[in-house]
């Protein structure tokens, strides 16, 4: 019989009365505004992508847990919620087979291969998204423009990267970016709906304010430095906050519990570095949006950040 292993990790170790199912249910509720606005702008394509992602994620989770001899834990909703978040990072035109490929990678390489939920050093959603982005770039930018008199099918950050700052005002308004009248992935077209969901997570204390606030501060301050230097070449910090995946990454990806720091100082540094790297990739990287890549890369530093100003419980 295998002897129990002693696992030493950062605090806290006291049970707070919460449960995985409650956390996942609150995350589902927080994503409802983004889902609703996605359905409003993109119609039944949004529902198709979400249903396939959630159902296939739960199915892969049950199959892999059965194959690995673990208890089937689909009822905790972690697989379904991960599927929904992945769906939010896909275009509404994503084919079913690509969605199922993404959820398989997400569950296998992002969770079960490490021993199940809570043991994964990286966010499984981001692992799947990076794999899909690298493997099927054409499908990942097959945008569907919102209905109405829409002037471009390019995303705001694509316009910034390939046409320059001067073209932003020709295609997008601040209110449009806030409400959701833009092209992009299902879950990032409306900054307002994501902020409502993020506020719900903070009110319910599902996530700490430190990571999303420091993330958005990093984006705002670092992009603001360049904007103040040359506003004709660099976009405003408000644009960088509202466009692309800044808010989605700040509230729903960077706050992933297993792959993010648990110490207050670690959270603040982690979030700020994610925000700064987001802007760095947008300005000088090959990709037009760096928010998701930034979270994926900075999460490598989580074990180190957890050692910064960590407290000994009881002192």
C-alpha atoms as a PDB file:
ATOM      1  CA  UNK A   1       0.000   0.000   0.000  1.00  0.00           C
ATOM      2  CA  UNK A   2       1.355   3.398  -0.969  1.00  0.00           C
ATOM      3  CA  UNK A   3       2.225   5.602   2.001  1.00  0.00           C
ATOM      4  CA  UNK A   4       0.494   8.999   2.162  1.00  0.00           C
ATOM      5  CA  UNK A   5       2.579  11.825   0.821  1.00  0.00           C
ATOM      6  CA  UNK A   6       3.255  14.970   2.850  1.00  0.00           C
ATOM      7  CA  UNK A   7       2.453  18.006   0.731  1.00  0.00           C
ATOM      8  CA  UNK A   8       3.781  21.352   1.930  1.00  0.00           C
ATOM      9  CA  UNK A   9       2.165  24.350   0.263  1.00  0.00           C
ATOM     10  CA  UNK A  10       1.445  27.996   0.914  1.00  0.00           C
ATOM     11  CA  UNK A  11      -1.310  29.068   3.297  1.00  0.00           C
ATOM     12  CA  UNK A  12      -4.276  29.134   3.842  1.00  0.00           C
ATOM     13  CA  UNK A  13      -4.996  25.641   5.131  1.00  0.00           C
ATOM     14  CA  UNK A  14      -8.217  26.398   7.050  1.00  0.00           C
ATOM     15  CA  UNK A  15     -11.487  25.432   5.359  1.00  0.00           C
ATOM     16  CA  UNK A  16     -13.601  28.477   4.589  1.00  0.00           C
ATOM     17  CA  UNK A  17     -16.931  26.693   4.247  1.00  0.00           C
ATOM     18  CA  UNK A  18     -16.864  26.924   0.466  1.00  0.00           C
ATOM     19  CA  UNK A  19     -16.943  24.073  -2.031  1.00  0.00           C
ATOM     20  CA  UNK A  20     -15.814  23.453  -5.586  1.00  0.00           C
ATOM     21  CA  UNK A  21     -19.403  23.196  -6.758  1.00  0.00           C
ATOM     22  CA  UNK A  22     -20.343  26.554  -5.181  1.00  0.00           C
ATOM     23  CA  UNK A  23     -17.308  28.246  -6.736  1.00  0.00           C
ATOM     24  CA  UNK A  24     -18.116  26.816 -10.156  1.00  0.00           C
ATOM     25  CA  UNK A  25     -21.793  27.742  -9.891  1.00  0.00           C
ATOM     26  CA  UNK A  26     -20.877  31.339  -9.041  1.00  0.00           C
ATOM     27  CA  UNK A  27     -18.500  31.415 -12.007  1.00  0.00           C
ATOM     28  CA  UNK A  28     -21.306  30.196 -14.268  1.00  0.00           C
ATOM     29  CA  UNK A  29     -23.580  32.948 -12.971  1.00  0.00           C
ATOM     30  CA  UNK A  30     -20.844  35.547 -13.474  1.00  0.00           C
ATOM     31  CA  UNK A  31     -20.492  34.552 -17.135  1.00  0.00           C
ATOM     32  CA  UNK A  32     -24.217  34.830 -17.892  1.00  0.00           C
ATOM     33  CA  UNK A  33     -24.059  38.534 -18.923  1.00  0.00           C
ATOM     34  CA  UNK A  34     -21.250  37.802 -21.401  1.00  0.00           C
ATOM     35  CA  UNK A  35     -23.157  34.805 -22.747  1.00  0.00           C
ATOM     36  CA  UNK A  36     -26.347  36.833 -23.183  1.00  0.00           C
ATOM     37  CA  UNK A  37     -24.610  39.633 -25.084  1.00  0.00           C
ATOM     38  CA  UNK A  38     -22.808  37.038 -27.208  1.00  0.00           C
ATOM     39  CA  UNK A  39     -26.129  35.463 -28.171  1.00  0.00           C
ATOM     40  CA  UNK A  40     -27.555  38.914 -28.896  1.00  0.00           C
ATOM     41  CA  UNK A  41     -24.757  39.818 -31.311  1.00  0.00           C
ATOM     42  CA  UNK A  42     -23.926  36.431 -32.853  1.00  0.00           C
ATOM     43  CA  UNK A  43     -27.183  34.491 -32.502  1.00  0.00           C
ATOM     44  CA  UNK A  44     -27.437  30.716 -32.415  1.00  0.00           C
ATOM     45  CA  UNK A  45     -23.769  30.266 -33.312  1.00  0.00           C
ATOM     46  CA  UNK A  46     -22.924  31.342 -29.766  1.00  0.00           C
ATOM     47  CA  UNK A  47     -25.256  28.759 -28.239  1.00  0.00           C
ATOM     48  CA  UNK A  48     -23.870  26.046 -30.523  1.00  0.00           C
ATOM     49  CA  UNK A  49     -20.261  26.718 -29.490  1.00  0.00           C
ATOM     50  CA  UNK A  50     -21.133  26.901 -25.775  1.00  0.00           C
ATOM     51  CA  UNK A  51     -23.236  23.728 -25.737  1.00  0.00           C
ATOM     52  CA  UNK A  52     -20.610  21.690 -27.600  1.00  0.00           C
ATOM     53  CA  UNK A  53     -17.789  23.001 -25.388  1.00  0.00           C
ATOM     54  CA  UNK A  54     -19.549  22.371 -22.079  1.00  0.00           C
ATOM     55  CA  UNK A  55     -20.939  18.964 -23.049  1.00  0.00           C
ATOM     56  CA  UNK A  56     -17.695  17.676 -24.558  1.00  0.00           C
ATOM     57  CA  UNK A  57     -15.632  18.942 -21.604  1.00  0.00           C
ATOM     58  CA  UNK A  58     -17.867  17.089 -19.134  1.00  0.00           C
ATOM     59  CA  UNK A  59     -17.782  13.964 -21.309  1.00  0.00           C
ATOM     60  CA  UNK A  60     -13.977  13.991 -21.675  1.00  0.00           C
ATOM     61  CA  UNK A  61     -13.648  14.518 -17.936  1.00  0.00           C
ATOM     62  CA  UNK A  62     -15.796  11.486 -17.136  1.00  0.00           C
ATOM     63  CA  UNK A  63     -14.048   9.299 -19.720  1.00  0.00           C
ATOM     64  CA  UNK A  64     -10.519  10.218 -18.631  1.00  0.00           C
ATOM     65  CA  UNK A  65     -11.296   9.873 -14.931  1.00  0.00           C
ATOM     66  CA  UNK A  66     -12.751   6.431 -15.599  1.00  0.00           C
ATOM     67  CA  UNK A  67      -9.704   5.402 -17.637  1.00  0.00           C
ATOM     68  CA  UNK A  68      -7.348   6.611 -14.912  1.00  0.00           C
ATOM     69  CA  UNK A  69      -9.213   4.859 -12.135  1.00  0.00           C
ATOM     70  CA  UNK A  70     -10.313   8.029 -10.371  1.00  0.00           C
ATOM     71  CA  UNK A  71     -13.757   8.843  -8.973  1.00  0.00           C
ATOM     72  CA  UNK A  72     -15.922  10.528 -11.600  1.00  0.00           C
ATOM     73  CA  UNK A  73     -16.393  14.088 -10.371  1.00  0.00           C
ATOM     74  CA  UNK A  74     -18.418  15.667 -13.172  1.00  0.00           C
ATOM     75  CA  UNK A  75     -20.996  16.844 -10.637  1.00  0.00           C
ATOM     76  CA  UNK A  76     -18.607  19.466  -9.224  1.00  0.00           C
ATOM     77  CA  UNK A  77     -19.109  21.391 -12.504  1.00  0.00           C
ATOM     78  CA  UNK A  78     -15.406  22.183 -12.947  1.00  0.00           C
ATOM     79  CA  UNK A  79     -15.267  20.557 -16.373  1.00  0.00           C
ATOM     80  CA  UNK A  80     -18.427  22.281 -17.580  1.00  0.00           C
ATOM     81  CA  UNK A  81     -17.246  25.683 -16.346  1.00  0.00           C
ATOM     82  CA  UNK A  82     -13.857  25.222 -18.020  1.00  0.00           C
ATOM     83  CA  UNK A  83     -15.717  24.322 -21.216  1.00  0.00           C
ATOM     84  CA  UNK A  84     -17.787  27.506 -20.981  1.00  0.00           C
ATOM     85  CA  UNK A  85     -14.699  29.686 -20.431  1.00  0.00           C
ATOM     86  CA  UNK A  86     -12.982  28.052 -23.409  1.00  0.00           C
ATOM     87  CA  UNK A  87     -16.081  28.722 -25.511  1.00  0.00           C
ATOM     88  CA  UNK A  88     -15.809  32.396 -24.541  1.00  0.00           C
ATOM     89  CA  UNK A  89     -12.315  32.405 -26.097  1.00  0.00           C
ATOM     90  CA  UNK A  90     -13.476  31.038 -29.448  1.00  0.00           C
ATOM     91  CA  UNK A  91     -15.065  32.742 -32.457  1.00  0.00           C
ATOM     92  CA  UNK A  92     -18.769  31.936 -32.990  1.00  0.00           C
ATOM     93  CA  UNK A  93     -17.845  30.212 -36.259  1.00  0.00           C
ATOM     94  CA  UNK A  94     -15.634  27.570 -34.586  1.00  0.00           C
ATOM     95  CA  UNK A  95     -16.315  24.066 -36.041  1.00  0.00           C
ATOM     96  CA  UNK A  96     -17.505  21.321 -33.703  1.00  0.00           C
ATOM     97  CA  UNK A  97     -14.443  19.124 -34.170  1.00  0.00           C
ATOM     98  CA  UNK A  98     -12.080  21.946 -33.213  1.00  0.00           C
ATOM     99  CA  UNK A  99     -14.119  22.664 -30.088  1.00  0.00           C
ATOM    100  CA  UNK A 100     -13.996  18.993 -29.072  1.00  0.00           C
ATOM    101  CA  UNK A 101     -10.258  18.894 -29.728  1.00  0.00           C
ATOM    102  CA  UNK A 102      -9.805  21.912 -27.494  1.00  0.00           C
ATOM    103  CA  UNK A 103     -11.834  20.478 -24.622  1.00  0.00           C
ATOM    104  CA  UNK A 104      -9.943  17.170 -24.854  1.00  0.00           C
ATOM    105  CA  UNK A 105      -6.600  18.965 -24.600  1.00  0.00           C
ATOM    106  CA  UNK A 106      -7.977  21.128 -21.804  1.00  0.00           C
ATOM    107  CA  UNK A 107      -9.094  18.191 -19.650  1.00  0.00           C
ATOM    108  CA  UNK A 108      -6.163  15.867 -20.409  1.00  0.00           C
ATOM    109  CA  UNK A 109      -3.188  18.240 -20.454  1.00  0.00           C
ATOM    110  CA  UNK A 110      -4.723  20.876 -18.212  1.00  0.00           C
ATOM    111  CA  UNK A 111      -6.096  18.714 -15.421  1.00  0.00           C
ATOM    112  CA  UNK A 112      -6.111  14.922 -15.387  1.00  0.00           C
ATOM    113  CA  UNK A 113      -2.501  14.340 -16.393  1.00  0.00           C
ATOM    114  CA  UNK A 114      -1.401  16.166 -13.233  1.00  0.00           C
ATOM    115  CA  UNK A 115      -3.677  14.202 -10.928  1.00  0.00           C
ATOM    116  CA  UNK A 116      -6.950  16.032 -11.282  1.00  0.00           C
ATOM    117  CA  UNK A 117      -8.452  19.336 -10.223  1.00  0.00           C
ATOM    118  CA  UNK A 118      -6.198  21.460  -8.022  1.00  0.00           C
ATOM    119  CA  UNK A 119      -2.932  19.824  -9.073  1.00  0.00           C
ATOM    120  CA  UNK A 120      -2.499  21.589 -12.400  1.00  0.00           C
ATOM    121  CA  UNK A 121       0.346  24.141 -12.560  1.00  0.00           C
ATOM    122  CA  UNK A 122      -1.190  25.836 -15.623  1.00  0.00           C
ATOM    123  CA  UNK A 123      -4.695  26.930 -16.507  1.00  0.00           C
ATOM    124  CA  UNK A 124      -6.144  24.137 -18.657  1.00  0.00           C
ATOM    125  CA  UNK A 125      -8.285  26.582 -20.622  1.00  0.00           C
ATOM    126  CA  UNK A 126      -5.198  28.505 -21.680  1.00  0.00           C
ATOM    127  CA  UNK A 127      -3.333  25.324 -22.605  1.00  0.00           C
ATOM    128  CA  UNK A 128      -6.203  24.380 -24.919  1.00  0.00           C
ATOM    129  CA  UNK A 129      -6.487  27.906 -26.318  1.00  0.00           C
ATOM    130  CA  UNK A 130      -2.771  28.095 -27.128  1.00  0.00           C
ATOM    131  CA  UNK A 131      -2.900  24.675 -28.828  1.00  0.00           C
ATOM    132  CA  UNK A 132      -5.905  25.736 -30.941  1.00  0.00           C
ATOM    133  CA  UNK A 133      -4.338  29.109 -31.741  1.00  0.00           C
ATOM    134  CA  UNK A 134      -1.137  27.458 -32.957  1.00  0.00           C
ATOM    135  CA  UNK A 135      -2.781  24.508 -34.721  1.00  0.00           C
ATOM    136  CA  UNK A 136      -5.793  26.147 -36.401  1.00  0.00           C
ATOM    137  CA  UNK A 137      -5.003  29.871 -36.777  1.00  0.00           C
ATOM    138  CA  UNK A 138      -7.349  30.254 -39.745  1.00  0.00           C
ATOM    139  CA  UNK A 139     -10.369  28.977 -37.823  1.00  0.00           C
ATOM    140  CA  UNK A 140      -9.442  31.040 -34.754  1.00  0.00           C
ATOM    141  CA  UNK A 141      -9.685  34.307 -36.707  1.00  0.00           C
ATOM    142  CA  UNK A 142     -12.777  33.409 -38.733  1.00  0.00           C
ATOM    143  CA  UNK A 143     -14.688  36.341 -37.295  1.00  0.00           C
ATOM    144  CA  UNK A 144     -18.414  36.955 -37.498  1.00  0.00           C
ATOM    145  CA  UNK A 145     -19.221  40.659 -37.463  1.00  0.00           C
ATOM    146  CA  UNK A 146     -22.139  41.859 -35.320  1.00  0.00           C
ATOM    147  CA  UNK A 147     -25.357  42.672 -37.214  1.00  0.00           C
ATOM    148  CA  UNK A 148     -25.977  46.157 -38.526  1.00  0.00           C
ATOM    149  CA  UNK A 149     -23.869  48.678 -40.366  1.00  0.00           C
ATOM    150  CA  UNK A 150     -20.507  47.422 -39.158  1.00  0.00           C
ATOM    151  CA  UNK A 151     -17.532  48.961 -40.930  1.00  0.00           C
ATOM    152  CA  UNK A 152     -14.930  46.226 -40.432  1.00  0.00           C
ATOM    153  CA  UNK A 153     -14.722  42.535 -39.602  1.00  0.00           C
ATOM    154  CA  UNK A 154     -11.333  43.024 -37.952  1.00  0.00           C
ATOM    155  CA  UNK A 155     -11.052  43.107 -34.176  1.00  0.00           C
ATOM    156  CA  UNK A 156     -10.084  46.388 -32.465  1.00  0.00           C
ATOM    157  CA  UNK A 157      -6.569  45.126 -31.744  1.00  0.00           C
ATOM    158  CA  UNK A 158      -6.143  43.913 -35.330  1.00  0.00           C
ATOM    159  CA  UNK A 159      -7.063  47.393 -36.542  1.00  0.00           C
ATOM    160  CA  UNK A 160      -4.536  48.881 -34.113  1.00  0.00           C
ATOM    161  CA  UNK A 161      -1.738  46.521 -35.165  1.00  0.00           C
ATOM    162  CA  UNK A 162      -2.195  46.587 -38.926  1.00  0.00           C
ATOM    163  CA  UNK A 163      -3.793  49.977 -39.603  1.00  0.00           C
ATOM    164  CA  UNK A 164      -2.485  52.147 -36.782  1.00  0.00           C
ATOM    165  CA  UNK A 165      -3.973  54.324 -34.079  1.00  0.00           C
ATOM    166  CA  UNK A 166      -5.562  56.715 -36.554  1.00  0.00           C
ATOM    167  CA  UNK A 167      -7.890  53.999 -37.863  1.00  0.00           C
ATOM    168  CA  UNK A 168      -9.359  53.120 -34.465  1.00  0.00           C
ATOM    169  CA  UNK A 169     -11.755  56.075 -34.357  1.00  0.00           C
ATOM    170  CA  UNK A 170     -12.953  55.256 -37.884  1.00  0.00           C
ATOM    171  CA  UNK A 171     -14.229  51.849 -36.828  1.00  0.00           C
ATOM    172  CA  UNK A 172     -14.807  51.839 -33.073  1.00  0.00           C
ATOM    173  CA  UNK A 173     -16.118  54.082 -30.337  1.00  0.00           C
ATOM    174  CA  UNK A 174     -15.515  53.857 -26.601  1.00  0.00           C
ATOM    175  CA  UNK A 175     -19.211  53.102 -26.045  1.00  0.00           C
ATOM    176  CA  UNK A 176     -19.043  50.394 -28.699  1.00  0.00           C
ATOM    177  CA  UNK A 177     -16.090  48.743 -27.003  1.00  0.00           C
ATOM    178  CA  UNK A 178     -17.849  48.988 -23.655  1.00  0.00           C
ATOM    179  CA  UNK A 179     -21.233  47.659 -24.725  1.00  0.00           C
ATOM    180  CA  UNK A 180     -20.042  45.082 -27.233  1.00  0.00           C
ATOM    181  CA  UNK A 181     -20.504  46.298 -30.793  1.00  0.00           C
ATOM    182  CA  UNK A 182     -17.169  44.817 -31.932  1.00  0.00           C
ATOM    183  CA  UNK A 183     -15.773  41.773 -33.654  1.00  0.00           C
ATOM    184  CA  UNK A 184     -13.870  39.176 -31.667  1.00  0.00           C
ATOM    185  CA  UNK A 185     -14.157  36.059 -29.557  1.00  0.00           C
ATOM    186  CA  UNK A 186     -17.578  35.376 -28.054  1.00  0.00           C
ATOM    187  CA  UNK A 187     -16.632  36.357 -24.526  1.00  0.00           C
ATOM    188  CA  UNK A 188     -14.624  39.518 -25.134  1.00  0.00           C
ATOM    189  CA  UNK A 189     -16.878  41.676 -27.286  1.00  0.00           C
ATOM    190  CA  UNK A 190     -18.507  43.489 -24.331  1.00  0.00           C
ATOM    191  CA  UNK A 191     -16.287  44.916 -21.614  1.00  0.00           C
ATOM    192  CA  UNK A 192     -19.345  46.011 -19.640  1.00  0.00           C
ATOM    193  CA  UNK A 193     -20.813  42.509 -19.391  1.00  0.00           C
ATOM    194  CA  UNK A 194     -17.465  41.113 -18.277  1.00  0.00           C
ATOM    195  CA  UNK A 195     -17.118  43.843 -15.651  1.00  0.00           C
ATOM    196  CA  UNK A 196     -20.569  42.989 -14.312  1.00  0.00           C
ATOM    197  CA  UNK A 197     -19.556  39.332 -14.070  1.00  0.00           C
ATOM    198  CA  UNK A 198     -16.238  40.249 -12.484  1.00  0.00           C
ATOM    199  CA  UNK A 199     -17.973  42.441  -9.914  1.00  0.00           C
ATOM    200  CA  UNK A 200     -20.228  39.513  -9.027  1.00  0.00           C
ATOM    201  CA  UNK A 201     -17.189  37.294  -8.408  1.00  0.00           C
ATOM    202  CA  UNK A 202     -15.682  39.945  -6.136  1.00  0.00           C
ATOM    203  CA  UNK A 203     -18.915  40.483  -4.206  1.00  0.00           C
ATOM    204  CA  UNK A 204     -19.337  36.749  -3.703  1.00  0.00           C
ATOM    205  CA  UNK A 205     -15.640  36.547  -2.701  1.00  0.00           C
ATOM    206  CA  UNK A 206     -14.981  33.855  -5.278  1.00  0.00           C
ATOM    207  CA  UNK A 207     -11.807  35.675  -6.331  1.00  0.00           C
ATOM    208  CA  UNK A 208      -9.573  38.195  -4.595  1.00  0.00           C
ATOM    209  CA  UNK A 209      -9.597  41.779  -5.872  1.00  0.00           C
ATOM    210  CA  UNK A 210      -5.795  41.824  -5.934  1.00  0.00           C
ATOM    211  CA  UNK A 211      -5.241  39.916  -9.184  1.00  0.00           C
ATOM    212  CA  UNK A 212      -7.830  41.610 -11.455  1.00  0.00           C
ATOM    213  CA  UNK A 213      -7.144  45.093 -10.081  1.00  0.00           C
ATOM    214  CA  UNK A 214      -3.356  44.779 -10.371  1.00  0.00           C
ATOM    215  CA  UNK A 215      -3.759  43.181 -13.826  1.00  0.00           C
ATOM    216  CA  UNK A 216      -5.851  46.070 -15.150  1.00  0.00           C
ATOM    217  CA  UNK A 217      -3.545  48.562 -13.403  1.00  0.00           C
ATOM    218  CA  UNK A 218      -0.568  47.012 -15.192  1.00  0.00           C
ATOM    219  CA  UNK A 219      -2.326  47.337 -18.554  1.00  0.00           C
ATOM    220  CA  UNK A 220      -3.419  50.912 -17.861  1.00  0.00           C
ATOM    221  CA  UNK A 221      -0.164  52.243 -16.441  1.00  0.00           C
ATOM    222  CA  UNK A 222       2.232  50.589 -18.882  1.00  0.00           C
ATOM    223  CA  UNK A 223       0.201  51.462 -21.991  1.00  0.00           C
ATOM    224  CA  UNK A 224      -0.326  54.948 -20.542  1.00  0.00           C
ATOM    225  CA  UNK A 225       3.427  55.575 -20.450  1.00  0.00           C
ATOM    226  CA  UNK A 226       3.684  55.137 -24.213  1.00  0.00           C
ATOM    227  CA  UNK A 227       0.454  57.006 -24.907  1.00  0.00           C
ATOM    228  CA  UNK A 228       1.679  60.047 -22.962  1.00  0.00           C
ATOM    229  CA  UNK A 229       4.940  59.913 -24.910  1.00  0.00           C
ATOM    230  CA  UNK A 230       3.337  59.717 -28.364  1.00  0.00           C
ATOM    231  CA  UNK A 231      -0.454  59.559 -28.613  1.00  0.00           C
ATOM    232  CA  UNK A 232      -0.294  59.498 -32.418  1.00  0.00           C
ATOM    233  CA  UNK A 233       1.552  56.173 -32.434  1.00  0.00           C
ATOM    234  CA  UNK A 234       0.254  54.430 -29.317  1.00  0.00           C
ATOM    235  CA  UNK A 235      -3.362  53.777 -28.334  1.00  0.00           C
ATOM    236  CA  UNK A 236      -4.825  55.174 -25.134  1.00  0.00           C
ATOM    237  CA  UNK A 237      -4.794  53.087 -21.950  1.00  0.00           C
ATOM    238  CA  UNK A 238      -8.610  53.096 -21.960  1.00  0.00           C
ATOM    239  CA  UNK A 239      -8.577  51.424 -25.372  1.00  0.00           C
ATOM    240  CA  UNK A 240      -6.177  48.734 -24.118  1.00  0.00           C
ATOM    241  CA  UNK A 241      -8.451  48.070 -21.138  1.00  0.00           C
ATOM    242  CA  UNK A 242     -11.671  47.752 -23.143  1.00  0.00           C
ATOM    243  CA  UNK A 243     -10.342  46.035 -26.289  1.00  0.00           C
ATOM    244  CA  UNK A 244      -9.425  42.385 -26.627  1.00  0.00           C
ATOM    245  CA  UNK A 245      -9.088  40.027 -23.698  1.00  0.00           C
ATOM    246  CA  UNK A 246      -7.881  42.351 -20.929  1.00  0.00           C
ATOM    247  CA  UNK A 247     -10.977  42.119 -18.728  1.00  0.00           C
ATOM    248  CA  UNK A 248     -11.716  38.484 -19.584  1.00  0.00           C
ATOM    249  CA  UNK A 249      -8.165  37.515 -18.641  1.00  0.00           C
ATOM    250  CA  UNK A 250      -8.112  39.646 -15.498  1.00  0.00           C
ATOM    251  CA  UNK A 251     -11.263  38.203 -13.894  1.00  0.00           C
ATOM    252  CA  UNK A 252     -11.748  34.726 -15.361  1.00  0.00           C
ATOM    253  CA  UNK A 253      -8.289  33.414 -16.319  1.00  0.00           C
ATOM    254  CA  UNK A 254      -5.605  35.032 -14.184  1.00  0.00           C
ATOM    255  CA  UNK A 255      -7.661  34.206 -11.069  1.00  0.00           C
ATOM    256  CA  UNK A 256      -7.540  30.449 -11.728  1.00  0.00           C
ATOM    257  CA  UNK A 257      -6.860  29.109  -8.225  1.00  0.00           C
ATOM    258  CA  UNK A 258      -4.401  26.254  -8.868  1.00  0.00           C
ATOM    259  CA  UNK A 259      -2.178  28.263 -11.222  1.00  0.00           C
ATOM    260  CA  UNK A 260      -2.183  31.662  -9.463  1.00  0.00           C
ATOM    261  CA  UNK A 261      -0.447  32.791  -6.238  1.00  0.00           C
ATOM    262  CA  UNK A 262      -2.228  32.634  -2.886  1.00  0.00           C
ATOM    263  CA  UNK A 263      -0.208  35.219  -0.940  1.00  0.00           C
ATOM    264  CA  UNK A 264      -1.381  38.869  -1.099  1.00  0.00           C
ATOM    265  CA  UNK A 265       1.984  40.182  -2.299  1.00  0.00           C
ATOM    266  CA  UNK A 266       2.283  37.364  -4.824  1.00  0.00           C
ATOM    267  CA  UNK A 267      -1.178  38.134  -6.223  1.00  0.00           C
ATOM    268  CA  UNK A 268      -0.385  41.821  -6.701  1.00  0.00           C
ATOM    269  CA  UNK A 269       2.935  41.156  -8.428  1.00  0.00           C
ATOM    270  CA  UNK A 270       1.438  38.364 -10.536  1.00  0.00           C
ATOM    271  CA  UNK A 271      -1.477  40.469 -11.753  1.00  0.00           C
ATOM    272  CA  UNK A 272       0.703  43.500 -12.493  1.00  0.00           C
ATOM    273  CA  UNK A 273       3.218  41.421 -14.469  1.00  0.00           C
ATOM    274  CA  UNK A 274       0.359  39.886 -16.479  1.00  0.00           C
ATOM    275  CA  UNK A 275      -0.910  43.353 -17.345  1.00  0.00           C
ATOM    276  CA  UNK A 276       2.519  44.647 -18.337  1.00  0.00           C
ATOM    277  CA  UNK A 277       3.285  41.593 -20.477  1.00  0.00           C
ATOM    278  CA  UNK A 278      -0.112  41.946 -22.153  1.00  0.00           C
ATOM    279  CA  UNK A 279       0.884  45.392 -23.408  1.00  0.00           C
ATOM    280  CA  UNK A 280       4.405  44.262 -24.322  1.00  0.00           C
ATOM    281  CA  UNK A 281       3.022  41.513 -26.572  1.00  0.00           C
ATOM    282  CA  UNK A 282       0.468  43.861 -28.115  1.00  0.00           C
ATOM    283  CA  UNK A 283       3.080  46.485 -28.934  1.00  0.00           C
ATOM    284  CA  UNK A 284       5.984  44.350 -30.091  1.00  0.00           C
ATOM    285  CA  UNK A 285       4.797  40.738 -30.328  1.00  0.00           C
ATOM    286  CA  UNK A 286       3.608  38.774 -33.330  1.00  0.00           C
ATOM    287  CA  UNK A 287       0.076  38.476 -31.932  1.00  0.00           C
ATOM    288  CA  UNK A 288      -2.361  41.361 -31.878  1.00  0.00           C
ATOM    289  CA  UNK A 289      -3.627  40.478 -28.379  1.00  0.00           C
ATOM    290  CA  UNK A 290      -1.312  39.277 -25.642  1.00  0.00           C
ATOM    291  CA  UNK A 291      -3.659  38.974 -22.651  1.00  0.00           C
ATOM    292  CA  UNK A 292      -4.087  35.186 -22.740  1.00  0.00           C
ATOM    293  CA  UNK A 293      -0.465  34.491 -23.593  1.00  0.00           C
ATOM    294  CA  UNK A 294       0.606  36.806 -20.763  1.00  0.00           C
ATOM    295  CA  UNK A 295      -1.376  34.887 -18.131  1.00  0.00           C
ATOM    296  CA  UNK A 296      -0.072  31.575 -19.462  1.00  0.00           C
ATOM    297  CA  UNK A 297       3.558  32.746 -19.317  1.00  0.00           C
ATOM    298  CA  UNK A 298       3.444  34.560 -15.966  1.00  0.00           C
ATOM    299  CA  UNK A 299       1.778  31.575 -14.269  1.00  0.00           C
ATOM    300  CA  UNK A 300       5.176  29.857 -14.557  1.00  0.00           C
ATOM    301  CA  UNK A 301       6.327  32.222 -11.803  1.00  0.00           C
ATOM    302  CA  UNK A 302       3.552  31.258  -9.365  1.00  0.00           C
ATOM    303  CA  UNK A 303       5.681  28.918  -7.167  1.00  0.00           C
ATOM    304  CA  UNK A 304       8.278  31.670  -6.812  1.00  0.00           C
ATOM    305  CA  UNK A 305       5.723  34.415  -6.134  1.00  0.00           C
ATOM    306  CA  UNK A 306       4.136  32.320  -3.393  1.00  0.00           C
ATOM    307  CA  UNK A 307       7.401  32.565  -1.448  1.00  0.00           C
ATOM    308  CA  UNK A 308       7.321  36.351  -1.345  1.00  0.00           C
ATOM    309  CA  UNK A 309       6.253  37.630   2.097  1.00  0.00           C
ATOM    310  CA  UNK A 310       4.557  34.359   2.961  1.00  0.00           C
ATOM    311  CA  UNK A 311       3.345  34.140   6.560  1.00  0.00           C
ATOM    312  CA  UNK A 312       3.697  31.335   9.046  1.00  0.00           C
ATOM    313  CA  UNK A 313       0.205  30.333  10.138  1.00  0.00           C
ATOM    314  CA  UNK A 314      -0.461  31.118  13.800  1.00  0.00           C
ATOM    315  CA  UNK A 315       2.238  33.779  14.190  1.00  0.00           C
END
